[in-house]
């Protein structure tokens, strides 16, 4: 099967996964409500108690929330792939004359596009509550793009977890055990200097620490 047909099949599978968001809007709502809640709760409940190097906490917080949103989006990818594998959907796809890679790339592409939508929404909400880009126009455009590029390898990693895990429940356990420490033990929400001394080296080594 040549590259042209592989790309065509990937496009069809991407379209299939995007249609699932349209037909089941609760799937899209589920990945947008949580980051908005985190953004509002951290800004208005904890923001006054956290000292940061930026003029206000929302300016410090929003990039971290974007990264967290990308990670949770990748977690949703793993869950979706595990569910498709558990229900036998992959076996049905394999019986069709389509590229096998299209099933994975279609899911990844659709989920990255959903991440782009959520990131755009988060920046919009951030502007409503006081967030402003502090760099040049080019840097302002590049910042969300970097978060989206970051989504690609993270989504690939979680896709591998979703394909190798034995069940959706296993993905849930692995995902939550991995996600919460790696996102919260970082500078995403608070400066590393505010953490206990024994925890700071762990946070400094965290790839999510800016």
N, C-alpha and C. Protein backbone atom coordinates (compact mmCIF):
# COMPACT_ATOMS: atom_id res chain seq x y z
N UNK A 1 0.86 -1.19 0.00
CA UNK A 1 0.00 0.00 0.00
C UNK A 1 0.89 1.24 0.00
N UNK A 2 0.68 2.14 -0.99
CA UNK A 2 1.57 3.28 -1.12
C UNK A 2 1.22 4.39 -0.14
N UNK A 3 2.09 5.41 -0.13
CA UNK A 3 1.94 6.50 0.83
C UNK A 3 0.63 7.25 0.61
N UNK A 4 0.25 7.40 -0.64
CA UNK A 4 -0.99 8.15 -0.94
C UNK A 4 -2.19 7.50 -0.27
N UNK A 5 -2.29 6.18 -0.40
CA UNK A 5 -3.44 5.49 0.19
C UNK A 5 -3.36 5.47 1.72
N UNK A 6 -2.14 5.39 2.24
CA UNK A 6 -1.97 5.44 3.70
C UNK A 6 -2.45 6.78 4.25
N UNK A 7 -2.07 7.87 3.57
CA UNK A 7 -2.52 9.20 3.99
C UNK A 7 -4.03 9.33 3.85
N UNK A 8 -4.58 8.76 2.77
CA UNK A 8 -6.03 8.80 2.57
C UNK A 8 -6.75 8.06 3.69
N UNK A 9 -6.25 6.87 4.03
CA UNK A 9 -6.87 6.10 5.11
C UNK A 9 -6.75 6.82 6.45
N UNK A 10 -5.60 7.45 6.67
CA UNK A 10 -5.42 8.20 7.91
C UNK A 10 -6.40 9.36 8.00
N UNK A 11 -6.64 10.01 6.87
CA UNK A 11 -7.61 11.12 6.84
C UNK A 11 -9.01 10.61 7.16
N UNK A 12 -9.37 9.46 6.60
CA UNK A 12 -10.70 8.89 6.87
C UNK A 12 -10.85 8.55 8.35
N UNK A 13 -9.81 7.96 8.94
CA UNK A 13 -9.88 7.60 10.35
C UNK A 13 -9.89 8.85 11.24
N UNK A 14 -9.16 9.88 10.83
CA UNK A 14 -9.21 11.15 11.57
C UNK A 14 -10.62 11.72 11.54
N UNK A 15 -11.22 11.69 10.36
CA UNK A 15 -12.59 12.20 10.21
C UNK A 15 -13.55 11.40 11.08
N UNK A 16 -13.37 10.09 11.12
CA UNK A 16 -14.23 9.25 11.95
C UNK A 16 -14.14 9.66 13.42
N UNK A 17 -12.93 9.88 13.90
CA UNK A 17 -12.76 10.25 15.30
C UNK A 17 -13.25 11.66 15.59
N UNK A 18 -13.12 12.58 14.63
CA UNK A 18 -13.64 13.93 14.82
C UNK A 18 -15.17 13.91 14.86
N UNK A 19 -15.78 13.05 14.04
CA UNK A 19 -17.25 12.95 14.05
C UNK A 19 -17.75 12.43 15.40
N UNK A 20 -16.94 11.64 16.08
CA UNK A 20 -17.35 11.16 17.41
C UNK A 20 -17.48 12.32 18.39
N UNK A 21 -16.60 13.31 18.26
CA UNK A 21 -16.71 14.49 19.11
C UNK A 21 -17.98 15.27 18.80
N UNK A 22 -18.36 15.31 17.51
CA UNK A 22 -19.55 16.06 17.11
C UNK A 22 -20.82 15.33 17.55
N UNK A 23 -20.84 14.01 17.35
CA UNK A 23 -22.04 13.24 17.69
C UNK A 23 -22.17 13.00 19.19
N UNK A 24 -21.04 12.99 19.88
CA UNK A 24 -21.05 12.81 21.34
C UNK A 24 -20.33 14.00 21.96
N UNK A 25 -20.99 15.16 21.98
CA UNK A 25 -20.31 16.38 22.47
C UNK A 25 -19.87 16.29 23.92
N UNK A 26 -20.44 15.35 24.68
CA UNK A 26 -20.01 15.20 26.08
C UNK A 26 -18.54 14.79 26.17
N UNK A 27 -18.03 14.12 25.10
CA UNK A 27 -16.61 13.77 25.09
C UNK A 27 -15.74 15.02 25.05
N UNK A 28 -16.16 16.00 24.25
CA UNK A 28 -15.40 17.25 24.16
C UNK A 28 -15.58 18.08 25.42
N UNK A 29 -16.80 18.05 25.97
CA UNK A 29 -17.05 18.79 27.21
C UNK A 29 -16.18 18.26 28.34
N UNK A 30 -16.01 16.94 28.38
CA UNK A 30 -15.25 16.33 29.48
C UNK A 30 -13.79 16.76 29.48
N UNK A 31 -13.22 17.05 28.30
CA UNK A 31 -11.82 17.45 28.26
C UNK A 31 -11.65 18.97 28.33
N UNK A 32 -12.76 19.71 28.34
CA UNK A 32 -12.67 21.17 28.46
C UNK A 32 -13.05 21.67 29.86
N UNK A 33 -14.00 20.99 30.50
CA UNK A 33 -14.47 21.45 31.81
C UNK A 33 -13.37 21.37 32.86
N UNK A 34 -12.63 20.26 32.88
CA UNK A 34 -11.61 20.07 33.92
C UNK A 34 -10.53 21.15 33.89
N UNK A 35 -9.90 21.43 32.72
CA UNK A 35 -8.88 22.49 32.74
C UNK A 35 -9.42 23.87 33.08
N UNK A 36 -10.67 24.16 32.67
CA UNK A 36 -11.27 25.45 33.03
C UNK A 36 -11.48 25.52 34.54
N UNK A 37 -11.93 24.42 35.14
CA UNK A 37 -12.11 24.39 36.60
C UNK A 37 -10.77 24.59 37.31
N UNK A 38 -9.73 23.90 36.83
CA UNK A 38 -8.40 24.08 37.43
C UNK A 38 -7.96 25.53 37.32
N UNK A 39 -8.16 26.12 36.14
CA UNK A 39 -7.73 27.50 35.91
C UNK A 39 -8.44 28.46 36.87
N UNK A 40 -9.74 28.32 36.99
CA UNK A 40 -10.51 29.22 37.85
C UNK A 40 -10.23 28.99 39.33
N UNK A 41 -10.15 27.72 39.73
CA UNK A 41 -9.91 27.41 41.15
C UNK A 41 -8.53 27.88 41.60
N UNK A 42 -7.51 27.58 40.79
CA UNK A 42 -6.17 28.00 41.17
C UNK A 42 -6.04 29.52 41.16
N UNK A 43 -6.69 30.18 40.20
CA UNK A 43 -6.57 31.63 40.10
C UNK A 43 -7.27 32.33 41.26
N UNK A 44 -8.51 31.93 41.54
CA UNK A 44 -9.32 32.68 42.51
C UNK A 44 -9.26 32.13 43.93
N UNK A 45 -8.93 30.85 44.09
CA UNK A 45 -8.89 30.26 45.43
C UNK A 45 -7.47 30.25 45.99
N UNK A 46 -6.50 29.84 45.17
CA UNK A 46 -5.12 29.70 45.65
C UNK A 46 -4.20 30.82 45.18
N UNK A 47 -4.60 31.54 44.14
CA UNK A 47 -3.71 32.52 43.54
C UNK A 47 -3.20 33.57 44.50
N UNK A 48 -4.04 34.02 45.43
CA UNK A 48 -3.62 35.05 46.37
C UNK A 48 -2.59 34.60 47.37
N UNK A 49 -2.46 33.29 47.55
CA UNK A 49 -1.53 32.76 48.56
C UNK A 49 -0.21 32.30 47.95
N UNK A 50 -0.09 32.37 46.62
CA UNK A 50 1.10 31.86 45.94
C UNK A 50 1.91 33.03 45.39
N UNK A 51 3.18 33.10 45.76
CA UNK A 51 4.06 34.15 45.26
C UNK A 51 4.79 33.67 44.02
N UNK A 52 4.69 34.45 42.96
CA UNK A 52 5.33 34.09 41.69
C UNK A 52 6.16 35.27 41.20
N UNK A 53 6.92 35.01 40.14
CA UNK A 53 7.81 36.04 39.60
C UNK A 53 7.13 36.90 38.55
N UNK A 54 5.91 36.56 38.15
CA UNK A 54 5.19 37.33 37.14
C UNK A 54 4.30 38.37 37.83
N UNK A 55 3.81 39.37 37.06
CA UNK A 55 2.98 40.42 37.67
C UNK A 55 1.75 39.88 38.39
N UNK A 56 1.15 38.82 37.87
CA UNK A 56 -0.01 38.22 38.53
C UNK A 56 0.02 36.71 38.32
N UNK A 57 -0.76 36.01 39.13
CA UNK A 57 -0.69 34.55 39.13
C UNK A 57 -1.23 33.94 37.84
N UNK A 58 -2.25 34.53 37.23
CA UNK A 58 -2.81 33.96 36.01
C UNK A 58 -1.77 33.90 34.90
N UNK A 59 -0.89 34.90 34.84
CA UNK A 59 0.17 34.90 33.82
C UNK A 59 1.13 33.75 34.05
N UNK A 60 1.39 33.42 35.31
CA UNK A 60 2.26 32.30 35.64
C UNK A 60 1.54 30.97 35.42
N UNK A 61 0.25 30.94 35.75
CA UNK A 61 -0.50 29.68 35.80
C UNK A 61 -0.87 29.13 34.43
N UNK A 62 -1.32 29.99 33.52
CA UNK A 62 -1.92 29.50 32.27
C UNK A 62 -1.01 28.58 31.47
N UNK A 63 0.29 28.89 31.30
CA UNK A 63 1.14 27.93 30.57
C UNK A 63 1.16 26.55 31.21
N UNK A 64 1.18 26.50 32.54
CA UNK A 64 1.15 25.21 33.23
C UNK A 64 -0.16 24.47 33.01
N UNK A 65 -1.27 25.21 33.01
CA UNK A 65 -2.57 24.58 32.75
C UNK A 65 -2.62 24.04 31.32
N UNK A 66 -2.02 24.76 30.37
CA UNK A 66 -2.00 24.29 28.98
C UNK A 66 -1.24 22.97 28.88
N UNK A 67 -0.10 22.88 29.57
CA UNK A 67 0.67 21.64 29.55
C UNK A 67 -0.12 20.51 30.20
N UNK A 68 -0.76 20.80 31.32
CA UNK A 68 -1.58 19.78 31.98
C UNK A 68 -2.72 19.32 31.07
N UNK A 69 -3.32 20.26 30.35
CA UNK A 69 -4.41 19.93 29.43
C UNK A 69 -3.93 18.99 28.34
N UNK A 70 -2.72 19.24 27.82
CA UNK A 70 -2.15 18.37 26.80
C UNK A 70 -1.96 16.96 27.34
N UNK A 71 -1.49 16.85 28.58
CA UNK A 71 -1.25 15.54 29.18
C UNK A 71 -2.57 14.79 29.39
N UNK A 72 -3.58 15.49 29.88
CA UNK A 72 -4.88 14.84 30.07
C UNK A 72 -5.50 14.46 28.72
N UNK A 73 -5.24 15.26 27.69
CA UNK A 73 -5.71 14.90 26.35
C UNK A 73 -5.05 13.63 25.86
N UNK A 74 -3.74 13.48 26.15
CA UNK A 74 -3.04 12.26 25.78
C UNK A 74 -3.57 11.06 26.56
N UNK A 75 -3.94 11.29 27.80
CA UNK A 75 -4.56 10.24 28.62
C UNK A 75 -5.87 9.78 27.99
N UNK A 76 -6.64 10.73 27.46
CA UNK A 76 -7.89 10.38 26.78
C UNK A 76 -7.61 9.54 25.54
N UNK A 77 -6.50 9.82 24.85
CA UNK A 77 -6.10 9.01 23.70
C UNK A 77 -5.85 7.57 24.12
N UNK A 78 -5.11 7.40 25.21
CA UNK A 78 -4.81 6.05 25.70
C UNK A 78 -6.09 5.30 26.07
N UNK A 79 -7.01 5.99 26.74
CA UNK A 79 -8.28 5.36 27.12
C UNK A 79 -9.07 4.95 25.89
N UNK A 80 -9.12 5.84 24.88
CA UNK A 80 -9.88 5.53 23.67
C UNK A 80 -9.31 4.34 22.92
N UNK A 81 -7.99 4.27 22.81
CA UNK A 81 -7.36 3.15 22.12
C UNK A 81 -7.57 1.85 22.89
N UNK A 82 -7.45 1.91 24.21
CA UNK A 82 -7.67 0.71 25.02
C UNK A 82 -9.11 0.22 24.89
N UNK A 83 -10.04 1.16 24.84
CA UNK A 83 -11.45 0.78 24.70
C UNK A 83 -11.71 0.16 23.34
N UNK A 84 -11.12 0.74 22.28
CA UNK A 84 -11.28 0.17 20.94
C UNK A 84 -10.70 -1.23 20.87
N UNK A 85 -9.55 -1.44 21.52
CA UNK A 85 -8.93 -2.76 21.51
C UNK A 85 -9.75 -3.76 22.31
N UNK A 86 -10.29 -3.32 23.45
CA UNK A 86 -11.04 -4.21 24.33
C UNK A 86 -12.37 -4.63 23.71
N UNK A 87 -12.99 -3.75 22.94
CA UNK A 87 -14.28 -4.06 22.33
C UNK A 87 -14.16 -4.79 21.00
N UNK A 88 -12.91 -5.03 20.56
CA UNK A 88 -12.72 -5.76 19.30
C UNK A 88 -12.78 -4.90 18.06
N UNK A 89 -12.81 -3.57 18.24
CA UNK A 89 -12.91 -2.70 17.07
C UNK A 89 -11.67 -2.79 16.20
N UNK A 90 -10.49 -2.95 16.80
CA UNK A 90 -9.26 -3.07 16.03
C UNK A 90 -9.31 -4.30 15.12
N UNK A 91 -9.85 -5.39 15.63
CA UNK A 91 -9.94 -6.61 14.83
C UNK A 91 -10.83 -6.38 13.61
N UNK A 92 -11.89 -5.63 13.79
CA UNK A 92 -12.77 -5.33 12.65
C UNK A 92 -12.07 -4.44 11.64
N UNK A 93 -11.29 -3.48 12.13
CA UNK A 93 -10.55 -2.61 11.21
C UNK A 93 -9.51 -3.41 10.42
N UNK A 94 -8.88 -4.39 11.08
CA UNK A 94 -7.87 -5.19 10.40
C UNK A 94 -8.45 -6.03 9.27
N UNK A 95 -9.74 -6.31 9.35
CA UNK A 95 -10.39 -7.08 8.28
C UNK A 95 -10.70 -6.23 7.06
N UNK A 96 -10.52 -4.92 7.18
CA UNK A 96 -10.79 -4.00 6.07
C UNK A 96 -9.51 -3.72 5.29
N UNK A 97 -9.64 -3.38 4.00
CA UNK A 97 -8.46 -3.08 3.18
C UNK A 97 -7.94 -1.66 3.44
N UNK A 98 -7.50 -1.40 4.65
CA UNK A 98 -6.95 -0.08 5.00
C UNK A 98 -5.59 -0.27 5.66
N UNK A 99 -4.80 0.78 5.63
CA UNK A 99 -3.48 0.74 6.28
C UNK A 99 -3.65 0.57 7.78
N UNK A 100 -2.91 -0.34 8.37
CA UNK A 100 -3.03 -0.57 9.81
C UNK A 100 -2.62 0.66 10.61
N UNK A 101 -1.63 1.38 10.10
CA UNK A 101 -1.16 2.56 10.82
C UNK A 101 -2.21 3.66 10.86
N UNK A 102 -3.16 3.63 9.91
CA UNK A 102 -4.18 4.68 9.83
C UNK A 102 -5.07 4.70 11.07
N UNK A 103 -5.28 3.55 11.69
CA UNK A 103 -6.12 3.48 12.88
C UNK A 103 -5.49 4.30 14.02
N UNK A 104 -4.17 4.17 14.16
CA UNK A 104 -3.47 4.89 15.23
C UNK A 104 -3.30 6.36 14.87
N UNK A 105 -2.81 6.62 13.66
CA UNK A 105 -2.56 8.01 13.28
C UNK A 105 -3.85 8.81 13.21
N UNK A 106 -4.94 8.17 12.83
CA UNK A 106 -6.23 8.86 12.79
C UNK A 106 -6.67 9.28 14.18
N UNK A 107 -6.47 8.39 15.14
CA UNK A 107 -6.85 8.72 16.52
C UNK A 107 -5.96 9.83 17.08
N UNK A 108 -4.64 9.71 16.85
CA UNK A 108 -3.72 10.72 17.36
C UNK A 108 -3.99 12.09 16.75
N UNK A 109 -4.22 12.12 15.44
CA UNK A 109 -4.47 13.40 14.77
C UNK A 109 -5.74 14.06 15.29
N UNK A 110 -6.80 13.28 15.43
CA UNK A 110 -8.06 13.83 15.93
C UNK A 110 -7.91 14.36 17.35
N UNK A 111 -7.18 13.63 18.19
CA UNK A 111 -7.01 14.07 19.58
C UNK A 111 -6.12 15.30 19.68
N UNK A 112 -5.11 15.39 18.83
CA UNK A 112 -4.27 16.60 18.81
C UNK A 112 -5.09 17.80 18.36
N UNK A 113 -5.97 17.59 17.37
CA UNK A 113 -6.85 18.68 16.93
C UNK A 113 -7.80 19.10 18.05
N UNK A 114 -8.27 18.14 18.82
CA UNK A 114 -9.11 18.47 19.98
C UNK A 114 -8.30 19.26 21.01
N UNK A 115 -7.02 18.91 21.17
CA UNK A 115 -6.15 19.65 22.09
C UNK A 115 -5.96 21.09 21.62
N UNK A 116 -5.87 21.29 20.32
CA UNK A 116 -5.74 22.65 19.78
C UNK A 116 -6.98 23.46 20.13
N UNK A 117 -8.15 22.85 19.97
CA UNK A 117 -9.40 23.53 20.32
C UNK A 117 -9.42 23.90 21.80
N UNK A 118 -9.06 22.94 22.65
CA UNK A 118 -9.09 23.19 24.10
C UNK A 118 -8.07 24.26 24.49
N UNK A 119 -6.87 24.20 23.90
CA UNK A 119 -5.85 25.21 24.20
C UNK A 119 -6.32 26.60 23.80
N UNK A 120 -6.96 26.70 22.63
CA UNK A 120 -7.49 27.99 22.19
C UNK A 120 -8.56 28.49 23.16
N UNK A 121 -9.43 27.59 23.59
CA UNK A 121 -10.47 27.95 24.55
C UNK A 121 -9.86 28.41 25.87
N UNK A 122 -8.81 27.71 26.33
CA UNK A 122 -8.17 28.07 27.59
C UNK A 122 -7.54 29.45 27.52
N UNK A 123 -6.90 29.76 26.41
CA UNK A 123 -6.30 31.09 26.25
C UNK A 123 -7.39 32.16 26.25
N UNK A 124 -8.53 31.85 25.60
CA UNK A 124 -9.65 32.80 25.61
C UNK A 124 -10.18 33.05 27.01
N UNK A 125 -10.36 31.98 27.78
CA UNK A 125 -10.81 32.14 29.16
C UNK A 125 -9.76 32.90 29.97
N UNK A 126 -8.49 32.60 29.72
CA UNK A 126 -7.43 33.30 30.42
C UNK A 126 -7.46 34.80 30.16
N UNK A 127 -7.71 35.19 28.92
CA UNK A 127 -7.80 36.62 28.60
C UNK A 127 -8.97 37.27 29.34
N UNK A 128 -10.06 36.54 29.49
CA UNK A 128 -11.22 37.11 30.18
C UNK A 128 -10.94 37.38 31.65
N UNK A 129 -10.03 36.62 32.25
CA UNK A 129 -9.75 36.80 33.68
C UNK A 129 -8.40 37.46 33.94
N UNK A 130 -7.81 38.05 32.88
CA UNK A 130 -6.64 38.89 33.11
C UNK A 130 -5.33 38.44 32.52
N UNK A 131 -5.28 37.30 31.84
CA UNK A 131 -4.02 36.84 31.25
C UNK A 131 -3.64 37.71 30.06
N UNK A 132 -2.35 38.03 29.95
CA UNK A 132 -1.82 38.75 28.79
C UNK A 132 -0.45 38.17 28.45
N UNK A 133 -0.19 38.05 27.14
CA UNK A 133 1.13 37.62 26.70
C UNK A 133 2.14 38.71 27.01
N UNK A 134 3.30 38.32 27.53
CA UNK A 134 4.30 39.31 27.92
C UNK A 134 5.40 39.50 26.90
N UNK A 135 5.51 38.63 25.90
CA UNK A 135 6.59 38.71 24.93
C UNK A 135 6.19 39.44 23.66
N UNK A 136 6.99 39.26 22.63
CA UNK A 136 6.71 39.86 21.33
C UNK A 136 5.54 39.15 20.67
N UNK A 137 4.96 39.75 19.61
CA UNK A 137 3.86 39.07 18.90
C UNK A 137 4.26 37.68 18.40
N UNK A 138 5.49 37.54 17.92
CA UNK A 138 5.95 36.24 17.44
C UNK A 138 6.01 35.22 18.57
N UNK A 139 6.52 35.66 19.72
CA UNK A 139 6.58 34.77 20.88
C UNK A 139 5.19 34.40 21.37
N UNK A 140 4.27 35.35 21.27
CA UNK A 140 2.89 35.09 21.70
C UNK A 140 2.24 34.03 20.83
N UNK A 141 2.55 34.07 19.52
CA UNK A 141 1.99 33.07 18.61
C UNK A 141 2.68 31.72 18.81
N UNK A 142 3.99 31.76 19.07
CA UNK A 142 4.76 30.52 19.19
C UNK A 142 4.45 29.75 20.47
N UNK A 143 4.10 30.44 21.54
CA UNK A 143 3.90 29.77 22.83
C UNK A 143 2.84 28.69 22.78
N UNK A 144 1.61 28.98 22.28
CA UNK A 144 0.62 27.89 22.18
C UNK A 144 1.07 26.80 21.22
N UNK A 145 1.81 27.20 20.16
CA UNK A 145 2.30 26.21 19.20
C UNK A 145 3.25 25.22 19.83
N UNK A 146 4.09 25.71 20.74
CA UNK A 146 5.02 24.82 21.45
C UNK A 146 4.25 23.81 22.29
N UNK A 147 3.19 24.27 22.93
CA UNK A 147 2.36 23.36 23.73
C UNK A 147 1.73 22.28 22.86
N UNK A 148 1.30 22.67 21.65
CA UNK A 148 0.70 21.69 20.74
C UNK A 148 1.75 20.71 20.24
N UNK A 149 2.95 21.20 19.90
CA UNK A 149 4.03 20.30 19.48
C UNK A 149 4.39 19.33 20.60
N UNK A 150 4.33 19.81 21.82
CA UNK A 150 4.59 18.96 22.98
C UNK A 150 3.55 17.85 23.07
N UNK A 151 2.35 18.12 22.55
CA UNK A 151 1.27 17.14 22.62
C UNK A 151 1.57 15.91 21.78
N UNK A 152 2.33 16.05 20.71
CA UNK A 152 2.56 14.93 19.79
C UNK A 152 3.32 13.78 20.45
N UNK A 153 4.52 14.02 21.01
CA UNK A 153 5.21 12.88 21.65
C UNK A 153 4.49 12.35 22.89
N UNK A 154 3.83 13.25 23.64
CA UNK A 154 3.09 12.80 24.82
C UNK A 154 1.93 11.90 24.40
N UNK A 155 1.21 12.32 23.34
CA UNK A 155 0.11 11.50 22.83
C UNK A 155 0.62 10.16 22.32
N UNK A 156 1.79 10.17 21.66
CA UNK A 156 2.37 8.92 21.19
C UNK A 156 2.72 7.98 22.33
N UNK A 157 3.27 8.54 23.42
CA UNK A 157 3.62 7.72 24.58
C UNK A 157 2.38 7.10 25.21
N UNK A 158 1.34 7.91 25.39
CA UNK A 158 0.12 7.38 26.00
C UNK A 158 -0.61 6.44 25.05
N UNK A 159 -0.46 6.65 23.74
CA UNK A 159 -1.05 5.71 22.79
C UNK A 159 -0.42 4.34 22.94
N UNK A 160 0.89 4.31 23.14
CA UNK A 160 1.58 3.03 23.36
C UNK A 160 1.06 2.36 24.63
N UNK A 161 0.81 3.16 25.67
CA UNK A 161 0.25 2.61 26.91
C UNK A 161 -1.13 2.03 26.65
N UNK A 162 -1.95 2.78 25.90
CA UNK A 162 -3.31 2.32 25.60
C UNK A 162 -3.33 1.04 24.80
N UNK A 163 -2.34 0.86 23.91
CA UNK A 163 -2.31 -0.33 23.06
C UNK A 163 -1.76 -1.55 23.79
N UNK A 164 -0.89 -1.32 24.76
CA UNK A 164 -0.26 -2.45 25.45
C UNK A 164 -0.97 -2.84 26.74
N UNK A 165 -1.75 -1.93 27.32
CA UNK A 165 -2.48 -2.25 28.54
C UNK A 165 -3.56 -3.29 28.25
N UNK A 166 -3.86 -4.08 29.24
CA UNK A 166 -4.81 -5.17 29.03
C UNK A 166 -6.26 -4.72 29.08
N UNK A 167 -6.51 -3.58 29.70
CA UNK A 167 -7.90 -3.13 29.85
C UNK A 167 -7.93 -1.63 30.06
N UNK A 168 -9.14 -1.06 29.93
CA UNK A 168 -9.34 0.36 30.18
C UNK A 168 -9.02 0.68 31.64
N UNK A 169 -9.36 -0.24 32.53
CA UNK A 169 -9.09 -0.02 33.95
C UNK A 169 -7.59 0.10 34.21
N UNK A 170 -6.79 -0.72 33.52
CA UNK A 170 -5.33 -0.65 33.68
C UNK A 170 -4.80 0.70 33.22
N UNK A 171 -5.34 1.20 32.11
CA UNK A 171 -4.92 2.52 31.61
C UNK A 171 -5.27 3.59 32.63
N UNK A 172 -6.45 3.47 33.24
CA UNK A 172 -6.86 4.44 34.26
C UNK A 172 -5.86 4.48 35.41
N UNK A 173 -5.47 3.31 35.88
CA UNK A 173 -4.53 3.24 37.01
C UNK A 173 -3.18 3.81 36.61
N UNK A 174 -2.65 3.36 35.48
CA UNK A 174 -1.33 3.83 35.02
C UNK A 174 -1.36 5.33 34.78
N UNK A 175 -2.44 5.80 34.15
CA UNK A 175 -2.54 7.22 33.81
C UNK A 175 -2.54 8.12 35.03
N UNK A 176 -3.40 7.81 35.99
CA UNK A 176 -3.50 8.67 37.17
C UNK A 176 -2.25 8.60 38.04
N UNK A 177 -1.64 7.42 38.13
CA UNK A 177 -0.41 7.29 38.91
C UNK A 177 0.71 8.11 38.27
N UNK A 178 0.72 8.20 36.94
CA UNK A 178 1.78 8.93 36.25
C UNK A 178 1.48 10.42 36.14
N UNK A 179 0.22 10.77 35.86
CA UNK A 179 -0.11 12.16 35.53
C UNK A 179 0.00 13.10 36.72
N UNK A 180 -0.61 12.74 37.83
CA UNK A 180 -0.69 13.68 38.94
C UNK A 180 0.68 14.03 39.53
N UNK A 181 1.57 13.05 39.79
CA UNK A 181 2.90 13.46 40.28
C UNK A 181 3.68 14.29 39.27
N UNK A 182 3.64 13.91 37.99
CA UNK A 182 4.47 14.60 37.01
C UNK A 182 3.98 16.01 36.71
N UNK A 183 2.68 16.27 36.89
CA UNK A 183 2.18 17.62 36.65
C UNK A 183 2.24 18.49 37.90
N UNK A 184 1.97 17.92 39.05
CA UNK A 184 1.94 18.73 40.27
C UNK A 184 3.32 18.91 40.91
N UNK A 185 4.21 17.92 40.76
CA UNK A 185 5.58 18.09 41.29
C UNK A 185 6.42 18.74 40.19
N UNK A 186 6.08 19.93 39.85
CA UNK A 186 6.76 20.72 38.82
C UNK A 186 6.48 22.18 39.11
N UNK A 187 6.99 23.04 38.23
CA UNK A 187 6.73 24.47 38.40
C UNK A 187 5.49 24.91 37.64
N UNK A 188 4.63 23.97 37.27
CA UNK A 188 3.43 24.32 36.50
C UNK A 188 2.49 25.20 37.30
N UNK A 189 2.39 24.96 38.61
CA UNK A 189 1.41 25.68 39.43
C UNK A 189 2.06 26.57 40.50
N UNK A 190 3.21 26.15 40.99
CA UNK A 190 3.92 26.95 42.01
C UNK A 190 5.41 26.94 41.68
N UNK A 191 6.16 27.97 42.08
CA UNK A 191 7.61 27.95 41.88
C UNK A 191 8.26 26.80 42.64
N UNK A 192 9.30 26.25 42.06
CA UNK A 192 10.01 25.15 42.71
C UNK A 192 10.56 25.58 44.07
N UNK A 193 10.96 26.85 44.18
CA UNK A 193 11.56 27.36 45.42
C UNK A 193 10.59 27.29 46.60
N UNK A 194 9.30 27.23 46.34
CA UNK A 194 8.32 27.18 47.42
C UNK A 194 8.10 25.77 47.96
N UNK A 195 8.70 24.77 47.32
CA UNK A 195 8.52 23.38 47.74
C UNK A 195 9.53 23.03 48.83
N UNK A 196 9.27 21.96 49.60
CA UNK A 196 10.26 21.50 50.59
C UNK A 196 11.59 21.19 49.92
N UNK A 197 12.68 21.37 50.66
CA UNK A 197 14.01 21.18 50.10
C UNK A 197 14.23 19.81 49.49
N UNK A 198 13.69 18.75 50.13
CA UNK A 198 13.90 17.40 49.62
C UNK A 198 13.14 17.14 48.32
N UNK A 199 12.08 17.96 48.06
CA UNK A 199 11.27 17.75 46.86
C UNK A 199 11.77 18.58 45.68
N UNK A 200 12.53 19.63 45.95
CA UNK A 200 12.98 20.52 44.88
C UNK A 200 13.82 19.82 43.81
N UNK A 201 14.78 18.93 44.16
CA UNK A 201 15.52 18.23 43.11
C UNK A 201 14.63 17.39 42.20
N UNK A 202 13.59 16.81 42.78
CA UNK A 202 12.64 16.02 41.98
C UNK A 202 11.92 16.93 40.99
N UNK A 203 11.46 18.09 41.47
CA UNK A 203 10.76 19.03 40.61
C UNK A 203 11.68 19.60 39.54
N UNK A 204 12.95 19.87 39.90
CA UNK A 204 13.91 20.39 38.92
C UNK A 204 14.17 19.39 37.80
N UNK A 205 14.14 18.10 38.13
CA UNK A 205 14.38 17.06 37.13
C UNK A 205 13.16 16.76 36.29
N UNK A 206 12.02 17.28 36.70
CA UNK A 206 10.77 17.03 35.98
C UNK A 206 10.78 17.78 34.65
N UNK A 207 10.51 17.08 33.53
CA UNK A 207 10.50 17.77 32.23
C UNK A 207 9.42 18.83 32.11
N UNK A 208 8.42 18.81 33.00
CA UNK A 208 7.36 19.81 32.96
C UNK A 208 7.75 21.10 33.68
N UNK A 209 8.89 21.08 34.38
CA UNK A 209 9.34 22.29 35.05
C UNK A 209 9.94 23.25 34.03
N UNK A 210 9.46 24.49 34.05
CA UNK A 210 9.91 25.47 33.06
C UNK A 210 11.25 26.08 33.43
